[in-house]
């Protein structure tokens, strides 16, 4: 068995942001699915007295602001300017990361061959995080584009949303097109979410490097022979 060393990989701030994103993503997925298909859950009584859709839209909006207003902005800043470790290089599709990612992917797929125990984020996880950021930014823009038509007044908030999201109509033509791609983005995020969680559980069990424990306590084990 390979010799292990205990290393510190995630700061307190990074771990808190991770769990904000984790639970906000679950909340956005559940409420977003209900908004798209409001038939799987209802409360007995007159619709005018239950406000189920209104509550779901409010929770969806709350989770979106929790993620984008807190975790995304702070997390993006830390990704680039952290004094401990700036993760942006781990997510960059550079030739080195593409080559390393392909090697890691083949190892995960075939359970044999070469692999590298990276100090921070391996290229496969890095590409997943990069796709997450792109998809969440897409969801932010399309989500607010769907949200703003409900405002009939012209105060600063809807005006700001119109200025920042109306250009998406040039790409998706109309609200129905925006809605379709926003809903498709939901399933892409759920797919990446499942892959990410599966890989962390797999690496914890197969490689015995405590990847799951690291996002709780900040520490994980690393094979000494990999530098």
Protein backbone atom coordinates (compact mmCIF):
# COMPACT_ATOMS: atom_id res chain seq x y z
CA UNK A 1 0.00 0.00 0.00
CA UNK A 2 1.31 3.47 -0.95
CA UNK A 3 2.61 5.61 1.89
CA UNK A 4 0.31 8.50 2.76
CA UNK A 5 0.85 12.01 4.09
CA UNK A 6 -1.80 14.27 5.61
CA UNK A 7 -2.14 17.62 3.81
CA UNK A 8 -4.33 20.70 4.28
CA UNK A 9 -6.26 21.49 1.09
CA UNK A 10 -9.41 23.52 1.88
CA UNK A 11 -9.65 26.58 4.12
CA UNK A 12 -12.66 27.27 6.34
CA UNK A 13 -13.97 29.91 3.94
CA UNK A 14 -13.70 27.60 0.94
CA UNK A 15 -15.51 24.78 2.75
CA UNK A 16 -18.36 27.07 3.86
CA UNK A 17 -18.78 28.35 0.30
CA UNK A 18 -18.79 24.77 -0.98
CA UNK A 19 -21.72 23.81 1.26
CA UNK A 20 -23.61 26.98 0.38
CA UNK A 21 -23.28 26.01 -3.28
CA UNK A 22 -24.18 22.39 -2.50
CA UNK A 23 -27.46 23.16 -0.73
CA UNK A 24 -28.34 26.09 -2.99
CA UNK A 25 -27.94 23.80 -6.02
CA UNK A 26 -30.29 21.23 -4.47
CA UNK A 27 -32.80 23.98 -3.65
CA UNK A 28 -32.59 25.46 -7.15
CA UNK A 29 -33.02 22.04 -8.75
CA UNK A 30 -36.11 21.07 -6.72
CA UNK A 31 -37.86 24.43 -7.01
CA UNK A 32 -36.83 24.83 -10.66
CA UNK A 33 -38.26 21.45 -11.56
CA UNK A 34 -41.52 22.33 -9.82
CA UNK A 35 -41.76 25.67 -11.64
CA UNK A 36 -41.25 23.85 -14.96
CA UNK A 37 -43.69 21.03 -14.15
CA UNK A 38 -46.01 22.05 -11.28
CA UNK A 39 -47.98 18.84 -11.04
CA UNK A 40 -45.98 16.56 -8.76
CA UNK A 41 -46.73 18.38 -5.52
CA UNK A 42 -49.75 20.34 -4.40
CA UNK A 43 -51.41 21.52 -1.21
CA UNK A 44 -55.12 20.78 -0.66
CA UNK A 45 -57.41 23.74 -1.00
CA UNK A 46 -58.18 26.54 -3.39
CA UNK A 47 -55.22 27.59 -5.54
CA UNK A 48 -55.80 31.23 -4.60
CA UNK A 49 -55.23 30.34 -0.94
CA UNK A 50 -52.20 28.05 -1.25
CA UNK A 51 -49.71 30.11 -3.28
CA UNK A 52 -47.61 27.00 -3.95
CA UNK A 53 -46.14 28.36 -7.19
CA UNK A 54 -45.48 31.76 -5.62
CA UNK A 55 -43.67 30.11 -2.71
CA UNK A 56 -41.62 27.95 -5.07
CA UNK A 57 -40.65 30.97 -7.17
CA UNK A 58 -39.65 32.85 -4.01
CA UNK A 59 -37.49 29.93 -2.77
CA UNK A 60 -35.96 29.59 -6.23
CA UNK A 61 -35.12 33.31 -6.24
CA UNK A 62 -33.76 33.07 -2.68
CA UNK A 63 -31.48 30.11 -3.51
CA UNK A 64 -30.29 31.86 -6.66
CA UNK A 65 -29.34 34.98 -4.71
CA UNK A 66 -27.74 32.89 -1.97
CA UNK A 67 -25.56 31.19 -4.55
CA UNK A 68 -24.82 34.03 -6.95
CA UNK A 69 -24.94 36.86 -4.44
CA UNK A 70 -22.72 35.17 -1.88
CA UNK A 71 -20.95 32.00 -2.98
CA UNK A 72 -20.32 32.82 -6.64
CA UNK A 73 -18.92 36.31 -6.11
CA UNK A 74 -16.81 35.45 -3.06
CA UNK A 75 -15.78 32.07 -4.52
CA UNK A 76 -14.71 33.66 -7.81
CA UNK A 77 -12.61 36.21 -5.94
CA UNK A 78 -10.93 33.50 -3.85
CA UNK A 79 -10.38 31.36 -6.96
CA UNK A 80 -8.23 34.12 -8.45
CA UNK A 81 -6.80 35.96 -5.45
CA UNK A 82 -6.54 33.47 -2.59
CA UNK A 83 -3.36 33.91 -0.54
CA UNK A 84 -3.46 30.17 0.23
CA UNK A 85 -4.14 28.63 -3.18
CA UNK A 86 -5.68 30.22 -6.28
CA UNK A 87 -7.72 27.46 -7.93
CA UNK A 88 -8.14 29.12 -11.32
CA UNK A 89 -5.07 27.38 -12.74
CA UNK A 90 -6.60 24.01 -11.80
CA UNK A 91 -9.68 24.81 -13.93
CA UNK A 92 -7.85 26.34 -16.89
CA UNK A 93 -8.06 24.13 -20.05
CA UNK A 94 -4.32 24.47 -20.64
CA UNK A 95 -2.40 21.85 -22.67
CA UNK A 96 -0.91 20.50 -19.43
CA UNK A 97 -4.33 20.15 -17.77
CA UNK A 98 -5.91 18.64 -20.89
CA UNK A 99 -3.17 16.01 -21.06
CA UNK A 100 -3.36 15.32 -17.32
CA UNK A 101 -7.16 15.23 -17.42
CA UNK A 102 -7.15 12.65 -20.22
CA UNK A 103 -4.77 10.45 -18.22
CA UNK A 104 -6.92 10.77 -15.09
CA UNK A 105 -10.11 10.12 -17.05
CA UNK A 106 -8.70 6.89 -18.54
CA UNK A 107 -7.69 5.74 -15.07
CA UNK A 108 -11.17 6.47 -13.65
CA UNK A 109 -12.79 4.74 -16.64
CA UNK A 110 -10.62 1.61 -16.77
CA UNK A 111 -9.40 1.50 -13.12
CA UNK A 112 -5.87 0.89 -14.31
CA UNK A 113 -2.94 2.66 -15.95
CA UNK A 114 -1.25 5.93 -15.02
CA UNK A 115 -2.58 8.47 -12.58
CA UNK A 116 -1.33 11.44 -10.61
CA UNK A 117 -2.31 12.40 -7.07
CA UNK A 118 -2.61 16.16 -7.43
CA UNK A 119 -2.02 18.44 -4.47
CA UNK A 120 -5.23 20.41 -4.95
CA UNK A 121 -7.74 19.68 -7.73
CA UNK A 122 -7.09 17.08 -10.42
CA UNK A 123 -7.82 18.19 -14.03
CA UNK A 124 -11.02 16.10 -14.29
CA UNK A 125 -12.51 17.86 -11.25
CA UNK A 126 -11.12 21.15 -12.58
CA UNK A 127 -12.99 20.78 -15.88
CA UNK A 128 -16.17 19.85 -14.00
CA UNK A 129 -15.84 23.00 -11.84
CA UNK A 130 -15.24 25.10 -14.97
CA UNK A 131 -18.40 23.71 -16.59
CA UNK A 132 -20.29 24.33 -13.34
CA UNK A 133 -19.29 28.00 -13.40
CA UNK A 134 -20.25 28.41 -17.07
CA UNK A 135 -23.60 26.68 -16.56
CA UNK A 136 -24.43 28.64 -13.41
CA UNK A 137 -23.63 31.90 -15.21
CA UNK A 138 -25.92 30.79 -18.06
CA UNK A 139 -28.65 29.94 -15.55
CA UNK A 140 -28.24 33.34 -13.89
CA UNK A 141 -28.70 35.25 -17.14
CA UNK A 142 -31.54 33.14 -18.54
CA UNK A 143 -33.25 32.94 -15.13
CA UNK A 144 -33.36 36.71 -14.69
CA UNK A 145 -34.48 37.08 -18.32
CA UNK A 146 -37.47 34.88 -17.45
CA UNK A 147 -38.03 36.71 -14.17
CA UNK A 148 -38.08 40.33 -15.33
CA UNK A 149 -41.21 40.24 -17.59
CA UNK A 150 -43.33 39.88 -14.42
CA UNK A 151 -42.45 43.48 -13.53
CA UNK A 152 -44.83 45.98 -15.12
CA UNK A 153 -43.26 49.05 -13.47
CA UNK A 154 -40.00 50.70 -14.49
CA UNK A 155 -38.03 51.19 -11.29
CA UNK A 156 -34.28 50.58 -10.96
CA UNK A 157 -34.37 46.79 -10.37
CA UNK A 158 -36.30 45.67 -13.50
CA UNK A 159 -34.48 48.33 -15.52
CA UNK A 160 -31.14 46.86 -14.42
CA UNK A 161 -32.31 43.34 -15.28
CA UNK A 162 -33.46 44.44 -18.72
CA UNK A 163 -30.11 46.09 -19.40
CA UNK A 164 -28.14 42.99 -18.36
CA UNK A 165 -30.33 40.21 -19.80
CA UNK A 166 -32.26 41.48 -22.85
CA UNK A 167 -29.34 40.60 -25.15
CA UNK A 168 -30.09 36.89 -24.56
CA UNK A 169 -33.10 37.28 -26.88
CA UNK A 170 -30.64 37.64 -29.77
CA UNK A 171 -29.51 34.07 -29.07
CA UNK A 172 -32.72 32.30 -27.98
CA UNK A 173 -35.30 34.40 -29.91
CA UNK A 174 -38.12 34.47 -27.35
CA UNK A 175 -39.14 33.58 -23.80
CA UNK A 176 -40.02 30.02 -24.77
CA UNK A 177 -36.54 29.50 -26.21
CA UNK A 178 -34.96 30.97 -23.08
CA UNK A 179 -37.15 28.75 -20.90
CA UNK A 180 -36.14 25.63 -22.87
CA UNK A 181 -32.40 26.32 -22.53
CA UNK A 182 -32.76 27.32 -18.88
CA UNK A 183 -34.53 24.00 -18.19
CA UNK A 184 -31.90 22.09 -20.19
CA UNK A 185 -29.22 23.81 -18.10
CA UNK A 186 -30.91 22.39 -14.99
CA UNK A 187 -30.41 18.82 -16.23
CA UNK A 188 -26.81 19.52 -17.25
CA UNK A 189 -26.07 20.81 -13.74
CA UNK A 190 -27.78 17.79 -12.14
CA UNK A 191 -25.68 15.49 -14.36
CA UNK A 192 -22.42 17.22 -13.38
CA UNK A 193 -23.53 17.24 -9.74
CA UNK A 194 -24.01 13.46 -9.79
CA UNK A 195 -20.67 12.89 -11.56
CA UNK A 196 -18.83 15.13 -9.10
CA UNK A 197 -20.30 13.46 -6.00
CA UNK A 198 -19.71 9.99 -7.47
CA UNK A 199 -16.04 10.76 -8.21
CA UNK A 200 -15.41 12.04 -4.68
CA UNK A 201 -17.01 8.96 -3.13
CA UNK A 202 -15.12 6.70 -5.56
CA UNK A 203 -11.76 8.34 -4.79
CA UNK A 204 -12.44 8.15 -1.05
CA UNK A 205 -13.15 4.41 -1.23
CA UNK A 206 -10.77 3.33 -4.00
CA UNK A 207 -7.75 5.58 -3.37
CA UNK A 208 -8.31 5.97 0.40
CA UNK A 209 -7.37 9.64 0.23
CA UNK A 210 -10.31 10.97 2.31
CA UNK A 211 -11.67 13.27 -0.40
CA UNK A 212 -15.10 13.38 1.24
CA UNK A 213 -13.61 14.12 4.68
CA UNK A 214 -11.53 16.97 3.25
CA UNK A 215 -14.57 19.10 2.48
CA UNK A 216 -15.63 18.78 6.15
CA UNK A 217 -12.30 19.11 7.93
CA UNK A 218 -10.00 20.58 5.28
CA UNK A 219 -7.46 17.73 5.38
CA UNK A 220 -6.96 14.70 3.16
CA UNK A 221 -4.33 12.05 2.58
CA UNK A 222 -1.96 12.15 -0.37
CA UNK A 223 0.30 9.49 -1.80
CA UNK A 224 3.88 10.43 -0.89
CA UNK A 225 5.31 9.13 -4.19
CA UNK A 226 3.35 11.74 -6.21
CA UNK A 227 4.77 15.26 -6.34
